[in-house]
Amino acid sequence: MNKRTIGSDYEQKAAQYLETRGYQILAKNYRCKIGEIDLVAQDGTYLVFVEVKYRANARAGWGLDSVNIKKQHRIARVASWYLYEKHVRENQPCRFDVVSFFGEEITLIKDAFQV
């Protein structure tokens, strides 16, 4: 399988995982001219922008490590575009979560970063 297929498979697994924890998935692979967000979900009162990372092994580093400051800023810019495009109210609480797969082990980091 190629990286895109693998990525799609793990984004689907992440969506299912989040749904079992009460998240409502609103969008998958939201794209705009700035970039992409893997998942957009509702978790209680929070609108959540979710980055999904997969690593089969540690050779390429941990998935969470790849969500560096540059990636965080890009995700935040795409999130801002989403809020604008969907006419989300200004006082809507939002957060950024990361779902990381290491092999088949899943780690959810709620509120993984602030912008």
N, C-alpha and C. Protein backbone atom coordinates (compact mmCIF):
# COMPACT_ATOMS: atom_id res chain seq x y z
N MET A 1 0.84 -1.19 0.00
CA MET A 1 0.00 0.00 0.00
C MET A 1 0.88 1.25 0.00
N ASN A 2 0.40 2.30 -0.64
CA ASN A 2 1.16 3.55 -0.64
C ASN A 2 0.82 4.38 0.59
N LYS A 3 1.59 5.44 0.80
CA LYS A 3 1.42 6.26 2.01
C LYS A 3 0.03 6.89 2.10
N ARG A 4 -0.51 7.29 0.97
CA ARG A 4 -1.84 7.92 0.99
C ARG A 4 -2.91 6.93 1.44
N THR A 5 -2.83 5.70 0.95
CA THR A 5 -3.79 4.68 1.35
C THR A 5 -3.65 4.35 2.82
N ILE A 6 -2.42 4.20 3.27
CA ILE A 6 -2.17 3.92 4.69
C ILE A 6 -2.70 5.06 5.55
N GLY A 7 -2.40 6.30 5.13
CA GLY A 7 -2.88 7.47 5.87
C GLY A 7 -4.40 7.50 5.97
N SER A 8 -5.07 7.21 4.87
CA SER A 8 -6.54 7.19 4.86
C SER A 8 -7.08 6.11 5.79
N ASP A 9 -6.43 4.95 5.77
CA ASP A 9 -6.86 3.86 6.66
C ASP A 9 -6.76 4.27 8.12
N TYR A 10 -5.65 4.92 8.49
CA TYR A 10 -5.47 5.30 9.89
C TYR A 10 -6.33 6.51 10.27
N GLU A 11 -6.63 7.38 9.33
CA GLU A 11 -7.57 8.46 9.62
C GLU A 11 -8.96 7.88 9.90
N GLN A 12 -9.34 6.84 9.16
CA GLN A 12 -10.62 6.18 9.40
C GLN A 12 -10.61 5.50 10.78
N LYS A 13 -9.51 4.83 11.12
CA LYS A 13 -9.40 4.20 12.44
C LYS A 13 -9.47 5.24 13.55
N ALA A 14 -8.82 6.39 13.32
CA ALA A 14 -8.85 7.46 14.31
C ALA A 14 -10.28 7.98 14.49
N ALA A 15 -11.01 8.15 13.39
CA ALA A 15 -12.39 8.63 13.46
C ALA A 15 -13.25 7.65 14.27
N GLN A 16 -13.09 6.37 14.00
CA GLN A 16 -13.85 5.36 14.75
C GLN A 16 -13.48 5.38 16.23
N TYR A 17 -12.19 5.49 16.51
CA TYR A 17 -11.70 5.56 17.89
C TYR A 17 -12.31 6.75 18.62
N LEU A 18 -12.30 7.91 17.96
CA LEU A 18 -12.85 9.12 18.59
C LEU A 18 -14.36 8.99 18.80
N GLU A 19 -15.06 8.39 17.85
CA GLU A 19 -16.51 8.22 18.00
C GLU A 19 -16.84 7.35 19.21
N THR A 20 -15.99 6.35 19.50
CA THR A 20 -16.25 5.51 20.68
C THR A 20 -16.03 6.30 21.97
N ARG A 21 -15.37 7.44 21.87
CA ARG A 21 -15.13 8.30 23.03
C ARG A 21 -16.04 9.51 23.05
N GLY A 22 -17.09 9.47 22.24
CA GLY A 22 -18.11 10.51 22.29
C GLY A 22 -17.93 11.65 21.32
N TYR A 23 -16.88 11.65 20.51
CA TYR A 23 -16.70 12.70 19.51
C TYR A 23 -17.71 12.48 18.38
N GLN A 24 -18.16 13.58 17.80
CA GLN A 24 -18.97 13.52 16.59
C GLN A 24 -18.11 14.04 15.45
N ILE A 25 -17.83 13.21 14.46
CA ILE A 25 -16.98 13.61 13.34
C ILE A 25 -17.79 14.49 12.40
N LEU A 26 -17.29 15.69 12.15
CA LEU A 26 -17.97 16.65 11.28
C LEU A 26 -17.38 16.68 9.89
N ALA A 27 -16.08 16.44 9.78
CA ALA A 27 -15.41 16.48 8.47
C ALA A 27 -14.17 15.60 8.51
N LYS A 28 -13.90 14.98 7.38
CA LYS A 28 -12.67 14.20 7.19
C LYS A 28 -11.91 14.84 6.05
N ASN A 29 -10.62 14.99 6.25
CA ASN A 29 -9.74 15.58 5.24
C ASN A 29 -10.27 16.92 4.73
N TYR A 30 -10.54 17.82 5.67
CA TYR A 30 -10.96 19.17 5.28
C TYR A 30 -9.79 19.86 4.59
N ARG A 31 -10.03 20.34 3.38
CA ARG A 31 -8.97 20.99 2.60
C ARG A 31 -9.38 22.40 2.20
N CYS A 32 -8.39 23.26 2.20
CA CYS A 32 -8.56 24.60 1.66
C CYS A 32 -7.24 24.98 0.99
N LYS A 33 -7.14 26.21 0.50
CA LYS A 33 -5.94 26.61 -0.23
C LYS A 33 -4.69 26.64 0.67
N ILE A 34 -4.86 26.67 1.97
CA ILE A 34 -3.73 26.75 2.90
C ILE A 34 -3.18 25.37 3.24
N GLY A 35 -4.08 24.36 3.28
CA GLY A 35 -3.63 23.03 3.66
C GLY A 35 -4.80 22.14 4.01
N GLU A 36 -4.56 21.18 4.91
CA GLU A 36 -5.54 20.17 5.24
C GLU A 36 -5.54 19.88 6.74
N ILE A 37 -6.72 19.54 7.24
CA ILE A 37 -6.87 19.02 8.60
C ILE A 37 -7.48 17.63 8.45
N ASP A 38 -6.90 16.67 9.14
CA ASP A 38 -7.34 15.28 8.99
C ASP A 38 -8.78 15.08 9.40
N LEU A 39 -9.14 15.54 10.60
CA LEU A 39 -10.50 15.38 11.11
C LEU A 39 -10.95 16.65 11.82
N VAL A 40 -12.21 16.96 11.67
CA VAL A 40 -12.84 18.02 12.46
C VAL A 40 -13.99 17.35 13.20
N ALA A 41 -14.06 17.59 14.50
CA ALA A 41 -15.04 16.88 15.31
C ALA A 41 -15.62 17.80 16.38
N GLN A 42 -16.73 17.36 16.93
CA GLN A 42 -17.34 18.01 18.08
C GLN A 42 -17.12 17.10 19.28
N ASP A 43 -16.60 17.65 20.36
CA ASP A 43 -16.42 16.91 21.62
C ASP A 43 -17.03 17.76 22.71
N GLY A 44 -18.26 17.45 23.07
CA GLY A 44 -18.97 18.30 24.03
C GLY A 44 -19.16 19.68 23.43
N THR A 45 -18.71 20.70 24.14
CA THR A 45 -18.85 22.06 23.64
C THR A 45 -17.70 22.46 22.71
N TYR A 46 -16.66 21.63 22.62
CA TYR A 46 -15.47 21.97 21.83
C TYR A 46 -15.58 21.55 20.38
N LEU A 47 -15.17 22.43 19.50
CA LEU A 47 -14.90 22.09 18.11
C LEU A 47 -13.43 21.68 18.09
N VAL A 48 -13.14 20.48 17.61
CA VAL A 48 -11.81 19.91 17.73
C VAL A 48 -11.22 19.66 16.35
N PHE A 49 -10.01 20.16 16.16
CA PHE A 49 -9.26 19.91 14.94
C PHE A 49 -8.22 18.84 15.28
N VAL A 50 -8.28 17.73 14.54
CA VAL A 50 -7.49 16.55 14.90
C VAL A 50 -6.46 16.24 13.82
N GLU A 51 -5.23 16.12 14.24
CA GLU A 51 -4.14 15.66 13.38
C GLU A 51 -3.90 14.18 13.69
N VAL A 52 -3.83 13.36 12.65
CA VAL A 52 -3.62 11.92 12.81
C VAL A 52 -2.22 11.58 12.29
N LYS A 53 -1.47 10.87 13.11
CA LYS A 53 -0.11 10.47 12.75
C LYS A 53 0.06 8.98 12.94
N TYR A 54 0.75 8.34 11.99
CA TYR A 54 1.00 6.90 12.05
C TYR A 54 2.49 6.63 11.85
N ARG A 55 3.01 5.73 12.66
CA ARG A 55 4.37 5.23 12.49
C ARG A 55 4.32 3.72 12.72
N ALA A 56 4.88 2.97 11.78
CA ALA A 56 4.95 1.52 11.93
C ALA A 56 6.02 1.14 12.93
N ASN A 57 7.07 1.98 13.00
CA ASN A 57 8.17 1.74 13.94
C ASN A 57 8.82 3.09 14.25
N ALA A 58 9.82 3.08 15.11
CA ALA A 58 10.44 4.34 15.57
C ALA A 58 11.53 4.85 14.62
N ARG A 59 11.77 4.15 13.54
CA ARG A 59 12.83 4.56 12.61
C ARG A 59 12.63 6.00 12.11
N ALA A 60 11.40 6.38 11.83
CA ALA A 60 11.11 7.73 11.35
C ALA A 60 10.77 8.68 12.49
N GLY A 61 10.96 8.24 13.74
CA GLY A 61 10.60 9.06 14.89
C GLY A 61 9.16 8.81 15.29
N TRP A 62 8.77 9.38 16.39
CA TRP A 62 7.41 9.23 16.89
C TRP A 62 6.47 10.14 16.11
N GLY A 63 5.26 9.67 15.90
CA GLY A 63 4.27 10.47 15.18
C GLY A 63 4.02 11.81 15.82
N LEU A 64 3.98 11.82 17.15
CA LEU A 64 3.73 13.08 17.86
C LEU A 64 4.84 14.09 17.61
N ASP A 65 6.06 13.62 17.43
CA ASP A 65 7.20 14.52 17.21
C ASP A 65 7.07 15.30 15.90
N SER A 66 6.34 14.74 14.94
CA SER A 66 6.22 15.41 13.65
C SER A 66 5.23 16.57 13.67
N VAL A 67 4.50 16.73 14.76
CA VAL A 67 3.58 17.86 14.88
C VAL A 67 4.36 18.99 15.55
N ASN A 68 5.34 19.49 14.80
CA ASN A 68 6.22 20.54 15.30
C ASN A 68 5.55 21.91 15.19
N ILE A 69 6.25 22.93 15.59
CA ILE A 69 5.67 24.28 15.62
C ILE A 69 5.21 24.74 14.24
N LYS A 70 5.97 24.39 13.21
CA LYS A 70 5.58 24.76 11.84
C LYS A 70 4.26 24.08 11.47
N LYS A 71 4.14 22.80 11.77
CA LYS A 71 2.92 22.05 11.48
C LYS A 71 1.75 22.61 12.31
N GLN A 72 2.01 22.96 13.56
CA GLN A 72 0.97 23.52 14.42
C GLN A 72 0.42 24.82 13.84
N HIS A 73 1.30 25.68 13.35
CA HIS A 73 0.86 26.95 12.77
C HIS A 73 0.04 26.72 11.50
N ARG A 74 0.45 25.75 10.69
CA ARG A 74 -0.32 25.45 9.48
C ARG A 74 -1.70 24.93 9.85
N ILE A 75 -1.78 24.01 10.80
CA ILE A 75 -3.07 23.48 11.24
C ILE A 75 -3.95 24.62 11.77
N ALA A 76 -3.37 25.52 12.53
CA ALA A 76 -4.13 26.64 13.09
C ALA A 76 -4.66 27.56 11.98
N ARG A 77 -3.86 27.79 10.94
CA ARG A 77 -4.33 28.62 9.83
C ARG A 77 -5.47 27.94 9.07
N VAL A 78 -5.36 26.63 8.87
CA VAL A 78 -6.44 25.90 8.21
C VAL A 78 -7.69 25.91 9.09
N ALA A 79 -7.51 25.76 10.39
CA ALA A 79 -8.64 25.82 11.32
C ALA A 79 -9.34 27.18 11.24
N SER A 80 -8.57 28.24 11.17
CA SER A 80 -9.15 29.59 11.04
C SER A 80 -9.98 29.70 9.77
N TRP A 81 -9.47 29.12 8.70
CA TRP A 81 -10.20 29.14 7.42
C TRP A 81 -11.51 28.36 7.56
N TYR A 82 -11.45 27.20 8.23
CA TYR A 82 -12.64 26.39 8.46
C TYR A 82 -13.68 27.20 9.23
N LEU A 83 -13.26 27.86 10.29
CA LEU A 83 -14.18 28.66 11.11
C LEU A 83 -14.84 29.75 10.27
N TYR A 84 -14.04 30.40 9.44
CA TYR A 84 -14.55 31.47 8.57
C TYR A 84 -15.53 30.90 7.54
N GLU A 85 -15.10 29.83 6.86
CA GLU A 85 -15.91 29.26 5.78
C GLU A 85 -17.23 28.70 6.29
N LYS A 86 -17.23 28.10 7.47
CA LYS A 86 -18.43 27.48 8.02
C LYS A 86 -19.25 28.45 8.88
N HIS A 87 -18.81 29.71 8.96
CA HIS A 87 -19.51 30.74 9.74
C HIS A 87 -19.72 30.33 11.19
N VAL A 88 -18.66 29.78 11.78
CA VAL A 88 -18.71 29.37 13.18
C VAL A 88 -18.66 30.61 14.05
N ARG A 89 -19.46 30.64 15.08
CA ARG A 89 -19.52 31.82 15.94
C ARG A 89 -18.15 32.10 16.58
N GLU A 90 -17.88 33.35 16.83
CA GLU A 90 -16.56 33.78 17.31
C GLU A 90 -16.19 33.22 18.68
N ASN A 91 -17.15 32.98 19.53
CA ASN A 91 -16.84 32.51 20.88
C ASN A 91 -16.88 30.98 21.01
N GLN A 92 -16.88 30.29 19.87
CA GLN A 92 -16.88 28.82 19.89
C GLN A 92 -15.56 28.30 20.47
N PRO A 93 -15.61 27.53 21.57
CA PRO A 93 -14.37 26.98 22.10
C PRO A 93 -13.82 25.91 21.14
N CYS A 94 -12.53 26.02 20.89
CA CYS A 94 -11.84 25.11 19.98
C CYS A 94 -10.60 24.55 20.66
N ARG A 95 -10.14 23.41 20.16
CA ARG A 95 -8.88 22.87 20.62
C ARG A 95 -8.28 21.99 19.51
N PHE A 96 -7.01 21.65 19.72
CA PHE A 96 -6.27 20.85 18.77
C PHE A 96 -5.84 19.55 19.45
N ASP A 97 -6.31 18.44 18.92
CA ASP A 97 -5.95 17.12 19.44
C ASP A 97 -5.07 16.41 18.42
N VAL A 98 -4.29 15.45 18.91
CA VAL A 98 -3.49 14.60 18.04
C VAL A 98 -3.80 13.15 18.38
N VAL A 99 -4.07 12.36 17.36
CA VAL A 99 -4.21 10.91 17.51
C VAL A 99 -2.99 10.31 16.85
N SER A 100 -2.23 9.57 17.63
CA SER A 100 -0.99 8.97 17.13
C SER A 100 -1.07 7.46 17.20
N PHE A 101 -0.70 6.83 16.10
CA PHE A 101 -0.63 5.37 16.04
C PHE A 101 0.84 4.98 15.97
N PHE A 102 1.22 4.05 16.82
CA PHE A 102 2.54 3.43 16.76
C PHE A 102 2.27 1.95 16.61
N GLY A 103 2.39 1.47 15.37
CA GLY A 103 1.89 0.14 15.08
C GLY A 103 0.39 0.19 15.25
N GLU A 104 -0.16 -0.62 16.12
CA GLU A 104 -1.60 -0.60 16.39
C GLU A 104 -1.94 0.08 17.72
N GLU A 105 -0.94 0.60 18.41
CA GLU A 105 -1.16 1.31 19.68
C GLU A 105 -1.65 2.72 19.38
N ILE A 106 -2.73 3.12 20.04
CA ILE A 106 -3.33 4.44 19.81
C ILE A 106 -3.11 5.33 21.03
N THR A 107 -2.68 6.56 20.76
CA THR A 107 -2.55 7.56 21.81
C THR A 107 -3.33 8.79 21.40
N LEU A 108 -4.20 9.26 22.28
CA LEU A 108 -4.96 10.49 22.06
C LEU A 108 -4.40 11.56 22.98
N ILE A 109 -3.95 12.64 22.40
CA ILE A 109 -3.50 13.80 23.17
C ILE A 109 -4.53 14.91 22.97
N LYS A 110 -5.34 15.14 24.01
CA LYS A 110 -6.31 16.23 23.95
C LYS A 110 -5.58 17.53 24.23
N ASP A 111 -6.01 18.58 23.52
CA ASP A 111 -5.42 19.91 23.69
C ASP A 111 -3.88 19.81 23.56
N ALA A 112 -3.45 19.19 22.47
CA ALA A 112 -2.04 18.88 22.23
C ALA A 112 -1.17 20.12 22.10
N PHE A 113 -1.75 21.20 21.61
CA PHE A 113 -0.98 22.45 21.49
C PHE A 113 -1.92 23.64 21.48
N GLN A 114 -1.35 24.79 21.82
CA GLN A 114 -2.07 26.06 21.83
C GLN A 114 -1.51 26.95 20.74
N VAL A 115 -2.37 27.77 20.17
CA VAL A 115 -1.91 28.75 19.18
C VAL A 115 -2.45 30.12 19.51
